[in-house]
């Protein structure tokens, strides 16, 4: 289990800075697409993609969401009791679709879907954000 106790520490603390490095190592190992991940900082709120330097700067300047302790948007598997599993693409692969549209590729090569456990409220929020981005284009 990854120690996430640093999340509530002050941004300027060494514990927070070391935790951000730990998060970035995990996220870029498990969810990076073309060297970018969804930025979880307070401002971006998982709506923007960034490279390691950009996401590092955002997290160290703007903060890490205190309730984001299961890094499901960055490749961590969720396990919850009494919840049905739903077969979906991993949420971080939505970024692949976004990158493909940004680069003019209408049909990105997506990996096969996997089974993950996710609350419908999270899925709904992600879907609304994704659809809003598509309609804005």
Protein backbone atom coordinates (compact mmCIF):
# COMPACT_ATOMS: atom_id res chain seq x y z
CA UNK A 1 0.00 0.00 0.00
CA UNK A 2 1.29 3.44 -0.89
CA UNK A 3 1.63 5.95 1.96
CA UNK A 4 -0.57 8.94 1.19
CA UNK A 5 -0.48 10.65 4.57
CA UNK A 6 1.49 13.51 2.99
CA UNK A 7 -1.58 14.73 1.03
CA UNK A 8 -2.89 16.86 3.91
CA UNK A 9 0.52 18.32 4.79
CA UNK A 10 1.38 21.94 3.91
CA UNK A 11 2.59 22.43 0.33
CA UNK A 12 5.94 23.79 1.51
CA UNK A 13 6.71 20.75 3.73
CA UNK A 14 9.30 18.17 2.70
CA UNK A 15 6.73 15.42 3.27
CA UNK A 16 4.38 17.01 0.72
CA UNK A 17 7.17 17.53 -1.84
CA UNK A 18 8.39 13.94 -1.42
CA UNK A 19 4.80 12.69 -1.71
CA UNK A 20 4.32 14.58 -4.96
CA UNK A 21 7.43 12.86 -6.35
CA UNK A 22 6.01 9.50 -5.20
CA UNK A 23 2.66 10.28 -6.85
CA UNK A 24 4.33 11.37 -10.10
CA UNK A 25 6.50 8.23 -10.20
CA UNK A 26 3.37 6.11 -9.78
CA UNK A 27 1.21 8.08 -12.22
CA UNK A 28 3.79 8.27 -14.99
CA UNK A 29 4.55 4.55 -14.58
CA UNK A 30 0.90 3.52 -14.71
CA UNK A 31 -1.11 6.08 -16.64
CA UNK A 32 1.09 8.25 -18.86
CA UNK A 33 0.06 8.55 -22.47
CA UNK A 34 2.64 10.13 -24.73
CA UNK A 35 4.44 11.43 -21.64
CA UNK A 36 1.39 13.20 -20.19
CA UNK A 37 -1.11 12.54 -17.41
CA UNK A 38 -4.28 14.18 -16.18
CA UNK A 39 -3.29 16.96 -13.79
CA UNK A 40 -5.01 16.50 -10.42
CA UNK A 41 -4.08 19.93 -9.04
CA UNK A 42 -6.80 22.03 -7.43
CA UNK A 43 -7.09 24.26 -10.51
CA UNK A 44 -6.96 21.68 -13.32
CA UNK A 45 -9.11 19.17 -11.41
CA UNK A 46 -8.34 16.29 -13.83
CA UNK A 47 -9.41 18.30 -16.89
CA UNK A 48 -5.98 19.05 -18.37
CA UNK A 49 -3.09 16.91 -19.51
CA UNK A 50 0.44 17.80 -18.53
CA UNK A 51 3.97 16.51 -18.75
CA UNK A 52 5.91 15.73 -15.57
CA UNK A 53 7.36 19.23 -15.18
CA UNK A 54 3.98 20.92 -15.68
CA UNK A 55 2.13 18.63 -13.26
CA UNK A 56 4.94 18.95 -10.69
CA UNK A 57 4.75 22.74 -10.81
CA UNK A 58 0.96 22.71 -10.56
CA UNK A 59 0.91 20.37 -7.56
CA UNK A 60 3.66 22.24 -5.70
CA UNK A 61 2.04 25.63 -6.35
CA UNK A 62 -1.69 24.88 -6.33
CA UNK A 63 -1.96 21.78 -4.15
CA UNK A 64 -3.12 18.18 -4.33
CA UNK A 65 -6.82 17.32 -3.86
CA UNK A 66 -7.08 16.07 -0.27
CA UNK A 67 -9.82 13.53 -1.04
CA UNK A 68 -7.92 11.94 -3.94
CA UNK A 69 -6.46 9.08 -1.95
CA UNK A 70 -7.30 6.30 -4.41
CA UNK A 71 -5.39 7.26 -7.52
CA UNK A 72 -7.86 5.56 -9.89
CA UNK A 73 -7.41 8.30 -12.51
CA UNK A 74 -3.72 7.45 -12.58
CA UNK A 75 -3.76 3.65 -12.72
CA UNK A 76 -4.44 2.56 -9.14
CA UNK A 77 -6.97 -0.26 -8.96
CA UNK A 78 -10.03 0.33 -6.80
CA UNK A 79 -11.31 -2.40 -4.54
CA UNK A 80 -14.55 -1.84 -2.67
CA UNK A 81 -16.85 -4.27 -0.92
CA UNK A 82 -20.50 -4.61 -1.94
CA UNK A 83 -20.10 -2.75 -5.24
CA UNK A 84 -20.65 -4.35 -8.64
CA UNK A 85 -17.79 -4.24 -11.11
CA UNK A 86 -18.36 -2.41 -14.36
CA UNK A 87 -16.37 -3.10 -17.51
CA UNK A 88 -15.00 0.17 -18.85
CA UNK A 89 -11.86 1.59 -20.30
CA UNK A 90 -9.59 2.71 -17.45
CA UNK A 91 -10.37 6.35 -16.77
CA UNK A 92 -6.85 7.49 -17.58
CA UNK A 93 -7.37 6.22 -21.13
CA UNK A 94 -9.92 8.97 -21.68
CA UNK A 95 -6.81 11.08 -21.98
CA UNK A 96 -5.82 9.02 -25.04
CA UNK A 97 -9.05 10.03 -26.72
CA UNK A 98 -8.47 13.68 -25.84
CA UNK A 99 -4.88 13.56 -27.18
CA UNK A 100 -6.09 11.89 -30.38
CA UNK A 101 -8.62 14.64 -31.00
CA UNK A 102 -6.05 17.34 -30.19
CA UNK A 103 -3.66 15.83 -32.71
CA UNK A 104 -6.32 15.23 -35.37
CA UNK A 105 -6.53 11.43 -35.08
CA UNK A 106 -10.25 10.57 -34.90
CA UNK A 107 -9.71 6.88 -34.08
CA UNK A 108 -6.94 6.38 -31.52
CA UNK A 109 -5.59 2.90 -30.84
CA UNK A 110 -7.06 2.01 -27.48
CA UNK A 111 -6.03 -0.91 -25.33
CA UNK A 112 -8.66 -3.54 -24.46
CA UNK A 113 -11.07 -2.63 -21.71
CA UNK A 114 -10.48 -3.85 -18.18
CA UNK A 115 -12.79 -4.39 -15.25
CA UNK A 116 -12.62 -1.68 -12.62
CA UNK A 117 -14.84 -0.73 -9.74
CA UNK A 118 -16.10 2.81 -9.90
CA UNK A 119 -18.91 4.84 -8.39
CA UNK A 120 -21.49 6.14 -10.83
CA UNK A 121 -21.00 9.69 -9.56
CA UNK A 122 -17.33 9.61 -10.61
CA UNK A 123 -18.19 8.16 -14.01
CA UNK A 124 -20.89 10.76 -14.51
CA UNK A 125 -18.52 13.62 -13.64
CA UNK A 126 -15.82 12.33 -15.99
CA UNK A 127 -18.31 11.73 -18.78
CA UNK A 128 -19.82 15.23 -18.45
CA UNK A 129 -16.36 16.83 -18.53
CA UNK A 130 -15.32 14.76 -21.54
CA UNK A 131 -18.52 15.51 -23.46
CA UNK A 132 -18.25 19.23 -22.68
CA UNK A 133 -14.71 19.20 -24.09
CA UNK A 134 -15.89 17.45 -27.25
CA UNK A 135 -18.75 19.91 -27.79
CA UNK A 136 -16.41 22.85 -27.27
CA UNK A 137 -14.30 21.80 -30.25
